[in-house]
């Protein structure tokens, strides 16, 4: 969507904060021994208390309130009876709707005791996301997003998951601009405009460059034993620095 009024901004900030708080609440309860279904229930109850509706379930009939992916799973992991183990790499992705506005955010983190390389991967991916966000404003080419992600990944010694993209959002979960690639595409002539609402969500990998959909029809996994971290914010493009609506 493109912002049409201050009410739009406030509506997006409201649901964005709820999404961010949900991730924080779920992370606070994440520990070895808890199941992903129990963790998802915590997120679902938190959203409900704040009047928000889980967007994946409402939009796509996803079998969970949130997406929880572990280790070699990268995205769209279905909550279930899987027990989180010490050293696991966790990704929590929350998207929700309130008052006709949608926001989407994600966060990767390891469970102690973890390999320090996993913490570096998560921190570097977060820093890459923030570097992209700080570089965007009205008039910047949309393919700058992929250029920065690709460049930063290489500098850090990581690969980019090429078939997971950022996207437009606002009045629905996925809107135009669609397929905001995480790698540079010189043929993409689209330009960011003031008021545009999009997600920024790099997926950086220690090996694989693609994810593969599993038999459950949802979970996206690497075809090898590499690890992938994702961080995601929903932002509003302005004439200056973007507004991050999913800040806690």
Protein backbone atom coordinates (compact mmCIF):
# COMPACT_ATOMS: atom_id res chain seq x y z
CA UNK A 1 0.00 0.00 0.00
CA UNK A 2 0.92 3.63 -0.21
CA UNK A 3 0.21 5.80 2.81
CA UNK A 4 -2.71 8.17 2.27
CA UNK A 5 -3.03 9.81 5.68
CA UNK A 6 -1.63 10.05 9.18
CA UNK A 7 -4.29 7.52 10.18
CA UNK A 8 -2.61 5.00 7.91
CA UNK A 9 0.72 5.60 9.62
CA UNK A 10 -0.79 5.26 13.08
CA UNK A 11 -2.68 2.10 12.09
CA UNK A 12 0.49 0.49 10.76
CA UNK A 13 2.50 1.52 13.82
CA UNK A 14 -0.13 0.04 16.11
CA UNK A 15 -0.16 -3.40 14.51
CA UNK A 16 3.59 -3.20 13.94
CA UNK A 17 4.24 -2.73 17.64
CA UNK A 18 1.94 -5.64 18.50
CA UNK A 19 3.84 -7.87 16.05
CA UNK A 20 7.18 -6.81 17.56
CA UNK A 21 5.91 -7.38 21.10
CA UNK A 22 4.60 -10.82 20.12
CA UNK A 23 8.03 -11.85 18.87
CA UNK A 24 9.62 -10.55 22.09
CA UNK A 25 7.09 -12.45 24.21
CA UNK A 26 7.67 -15.67 22.27
CA UNK A 27 11.45 -15.28 22.44
CA UNK A 28 11.23 -14.74 26.19
CA UNK A 29 9.54 -18.13 26.55
CA UNK A 30 11.77 -19.98 24.08
CA UNK A 31 13.91 -22.58 25.84
CA UNK A 32 15.07 -26.13 25.45
CA UNK A 33 12.18 -28.50 26.25
CA UNK A 34 9.28 -26.39 24.99
CA UNK A 35 7.46 -27.53 21.86
CA UNK A 36 6.93 -25.26 18.89
CA UNK A 37 3.17 -25.67 19.36
CA UNK A 38 3.39 -24.44 22.96
CA UNK A 39 5.44 -21.48 21.74
CA UNK A 40 2.94 -20.76 19.00
CA UNK A 41 0.09 -20.84 21.52
CA UNK A 42 1.90 -18.15 23.54
CA UNK A 43 2.11 -16.00 20.43
CA UNK A 44 -1.50 -16.65 19.47
CA UNK A 45 -2.80 -15.73 22.92
CA UNK A 46 -0.70 -12.56 22.96
CA UNK A 47 -2.06 -11.44 19.60
CA UNK A 48 -5.62 -12.19 20.69
CA UNK A 49 -5.21 -10.16 23.91
CA UNK A 50 -4.26 -7.18 21.78
CA UNK A 51 -7.13 -7.67 19.34
CA UNK A 52 -4.89 -8.75 16.45
CA UNK A 53 -5.55 -11.59 14.01
CA UNK A 54 -2.76 -13.95 12.87
CA UNK A 55 -2.36 -13.12 9.18
CA UNK A 56 -1.03 -16.46 7.81
CA UNK A 57 -3.98 -18.34 9.29
CA UNK A 58 -6.56 -15.77 8.13
CA UNK A 59 -5.06 -15.22 4.68
CA UNK A 60 -3.75 -18.65 3.68
CA UNK A 61 -5.27 -21.03 6.26
CA UNK A 62 -1.78 -21.70 7.60
CA UNK A 63 -1.90 -24.34 10.39
CA UNK A 64 -0.55 -22.07 13.13
CA UNK A 65 -0.68 -18.56 14.54
CA UNK A 66 2.98 -17.93 13.72
CA UNK A 67 5.76 -19.54 11.69
CA UNK A 68 8.48 -21.24 13.74
CA UNK A 69 11.42 -22.72 11.84
CA UNK A 70 14.29 -24.65 13.40
CA UNK A 71 17.85 -25.29 12.23
CA UNK A 72 17.78 -26.31 8.55
CA UNK A 73 14.20 -25.15 8.19
CA UNK A 74 14.25 -21.56 6.94
CA UNK A 75 10.69 -20.28 6.73
CA UNK A 76 7.01 -21.20 7.14
CA UNK A 77 7.75 -23.88 9.74
CA UNK A 78 4.51 -25.38 11.10
CA UNK A 79 4.18 -25.36 14.91
CA UNK A 80 3.77 -28.88 16.30
CA UNK A 81 5.15 -31.41 18.77
CA UNK A 82 8.79 -30.79 17.91
CA UNK A 83 10.77 -30.12 21.08
CA UNK A 84 13.32 -27.31 20.97
CA UNK A 85 16.79 -28.57 21.84
CA UNK A 86 19.90 -26.88 23.30
CA UNK A 87 21.92 -25.26 20.52
CA UNK A 88 19.01 -25.01 18.06
CA UNK A 89 18.74 -22.08 15.67
CA UNK A 90 15.21 -20.66 15.93
CA UNK A 91 13.33 -18.35 13.58
CA UNK A 92 10.07 -16.76 14.70
CA UNK A 93 8.07 -14.98 12.01
CA UNK A 94 4.93 -13.11 13.03
CA UNK A 95 2.48 -11.31 10.77
CA UNK A 96 -0.86 -9.99 11.94
CA UNK A 97 -3.79 -7.69 11.14
CA UNK A 98 -5.58 -5.08 13.21
CA UNK A 99 -8.12 -2.55 11.97
CA UNK A 100 -7.44 -3.43 8.34
CA UNK A 101 -3.66 -2.92 8.62
CA UNK A 102 -1.00 -5.63 8.36
CA UNK A 103 2.57 -5.87 9.63
CA UNK A 104 5.18 -8.59 9.31
CA UNK A 105 8.45 -9.20 11.17
CA UNK A 106 10.91 -12.00 11.81
CA UNK A 107 13.77 -12.77 14.17
CA UNK A 108 16.43 -15.52 14.26
CA UNK A 109 18.36 -16.48 17.40
CA UNK A 110 20.18 -19.52 18.83
CA UNK A 111 19.35 -21.43 22.03
CA UNK A 112 22.16 -21.80 24.59
CA UNK A 113 24.59 -23.44 24.60
CA UNK A 114 25.18 -22.56 20.96
CA UNK A 115 28.02 -22.47 18.49
CA UNK A 116 29.27 -18.85 18.35
CA UNK A 117 29.07 -19.03 14.56
CA UNK A 118 25.26 -19.14 14.82
CA UNK A 119 25.19 -15.96 16.89
CA UNK A 120 27.46 -14.26 14.35
CA UNK A 121 25.15 -15.36 11.51
CA UNK A 122 22.10 -13.94 13.31
CA UNK A 123 23.78 -10.66 14.22
CA UNK A 124 25.26 -10.19 10.76
CA UNK A 125 21.88 -10.80 9.14
CA UNK A 126 20.25 -8.24 11.44
CA UNK A 127 22.97 -5.71 10.66
CA UNK A 128 22.50 -6.35 6.94
CA UNK A 129 18.76 -5.70 7.25
CA UNK A 130 19.41 -2.44 9.08
CA UNK A 131 22.00 -1.36 6.51
CA UNK A 132 19.43 -1.89 3.75
CA UNK A 133 16.73 0.00 5.63
CA UNK A 134 19.00 2.97 6.36
CA UNK A 135 19.83 3.23 2.64
CA UNK A 136 16.25 3.53 1.39
CA UNK A 137 14.17 6.62 0.64
CA UNK A 138 11.95 8.15 -2.03
CA UNK A 139 13.57 7.92 -5.45
CA UNK A 140 15.97 5.06 -4.71
CA UNK A 141 15.78 2.15 -7.16
CA UNK A 142 14.07 -0.89 -5.70
CA UNK A 143 16.88 -3.17 -6.91
CA UNK A 144 19.19 -1.38 -4.46
CA UNK A 145 17.69 -3.69 -1.81
CA UNK A 146 19.05 -6.80 -3.53
CA UNK A 147 22.35 -5.11 -4.36
CA UNK A 148 23.08 -4.29 -0.72
CA UNK A 149 21.96 -7.69 0.60
CA UNK A 150 24.12 -9.52 -1.95
CA UNK A 151 27.14 -7.29 -1.30
CA UNK A 152 26.89 -7.50 2.49
CA UNK A 153 26.40 -11.28 2.43
CA UNK A 154 29.58 -11.73 0.39
CA UNK A 155 31.53 -9.43 2.70
CA UNK A 156 30.45 -11.52 5.68
CA UNK A 157 31.27 -14.84 4.02
CA UNK A 158 27.63 -15.84 3.56
CA UNK A 159 25.35 -16.72 0.67
CA UNK A 160 21.90 -15.29 -0.04
CA UNK A 161 18.77 -17.43 -0.20
CA UNK A 162 17.73 -16.32 -3.67
CA UNK A 163 14.14 -17.62 -3.80
CA UNK A 164 12.82 -15.83 -0.70
CA UNK A 165 11.90 -12.20 -1.28
CA UNK A 166 10.79 -9.04 0.46
CA UNK A 167 7.34 -7.74 -0.52
CA UNK A 168 4.77 -5.01 -0.33
CA UNK A 169 2.35 -5.04 2.60
CA UNK A 170 -0.18 -2.81 4.36
CA UNK A 171 -3.81 -3.52 3.57
CA UNK A 172 -3.11 -7.20 3.00
CA UNK A 173 -0.23 -9.52 3.85
CA UNK A 174 1.33 -9.59 0.40
CA UNK A 175 0.91 -6.68 -2.01
CA UNK A 176 2.77 -4.98 -4.82
CA UNK A 177 5.65 -4.51 -5.19
CA UNK A 178 5.99 -8.27 -5.28
CA UNK A 179 9.23 -10.24 -5.56
CA UNK A 180 11.63 -7.66 -4.20
CA UNK A 181 14.65 -9.81 -4.97
CA UNK A 182 17.45 -10.31 -2.41
CA UNK A 183 20.04 -10.15 -5.21
CA UNK A 184 20.78 -7.41 -7.74
CA UNK A 185 18.66 -7.41 -10.90
CA UNK A 186 19.80 -4.76 -13.38
CA UNK A 187 16.57 -5.17 -15.36
CA UNK A 188 14.35 -4.12 -12.43
CA UNK A 189 13.54 -0.46 -13.10
CA UNK A 190 11.07 0.03 -10.24
CA UNK A 191 11.64 2.99 -7.94
CA UNK A 192 10.71 3.46 -4.28
CA UNK A 193 8.15 6.22 -3.67
CA UNK A 194 7.17 8.17 -0.60
CA UNK A 195 4.55 6.37 1.50
CA UNK A 196 5.22 2.90 0.07
CA UNK A 197 4.96 0.11 2.67
CA UNK A 198 7.26 -2.88 2.24
CA UNK A 199 9.10 -5.54 4.19
CA UNK A 200 12.87 -5.94 4.25
CA UNK A 201 13.87 -9.52 5.06
CA UNK A 202 17.31 -10.85 4.10
CA UNK A 203 17.94 -14.57 4.49
CA UNK A 204 21.69 -15.20 4.83
CA UNK A 205 23.08 -18.71 4.59
CA UNK A 206 26.23 -20.59 5.52
CA UNK A 207 25.86 -22.70 2.38
CA UNK A 208 22.68 -23.17 0.35
CA UNK A 209 21.35 -20.52 -2.03
CA UNK A 210 17.83 -21.92 -2.39
CA UNK A 211 15.14 -23.40 -0.18
CA UNK A 212 12.91 -26.33 -1.09
CA UNK A 213 9.27 -26.76 -0.10
CA UNK A 214 8.67 -29.86 2.00
CA UNK A 215 5.92 -32.46 1.69
CA UNK A 216 3.73 -30.63 4.22
CA UNK A 217 3.19 -27.93 1.58
CA UNK A 218 4.50 -25.13 3.83
CA UNK A 219 7.91 -25.63 5.37
CA UNK A 220 10.83 -24.28 3.35
CA UNK A 221 14.14 -26.03 4.06
CA UNK A 222 17.68 -25.94 2.71
CA UNK A 223 18.65 -29.05 0.71
CA UNK A 224 21.87 -29.44 2.73
CA UNK A 225 22.87 -29.00 6.37
CA UNK A 226 23.66 -25.29 6.16
CA UNK A 227 22.12 -22.74 8.50
CA UNK A 228 20.09 -19.68 7.54
CA UNK A 229 19.15 -16.60 9.58
CA UNK A 230 16.37 -14.14 8.75
CA UNK A 231 15.48 -10.78 10.20
CA UNK A 232 12.52 -8.76 8.98
CA UNK A 233 10.94 -5.37 9.52
CA UNK A 234 7.94 -3.66 7.95
CA UNK A 235 8.85 -0.13 6.88
CA UNK A 236 7.31 3.00 5.33
CA UNK A 237 9.39 4.78 2.69
CA UNK A 238 9.75 8.54 3.22
CA UNK A 239 11.79 11.36 1.71
CA UNK A 240 14.36 10.71 4.43
CA UNK A 241 14.94 7.61 6.58
CA UNK A 242 12.22 4.94 6.50
CA UNK A 243 9.77 4.55 9.37
CA UNK A 244 10.18 1.12 10.98
CA UNK A 245 6.69 0.16 12.13
CA UNK A 246 7.69 -3.20 13.67
CA UNK A 247 10.03 -1.70 16.26
CA UNK A 248 9.28 -2.91 19.79
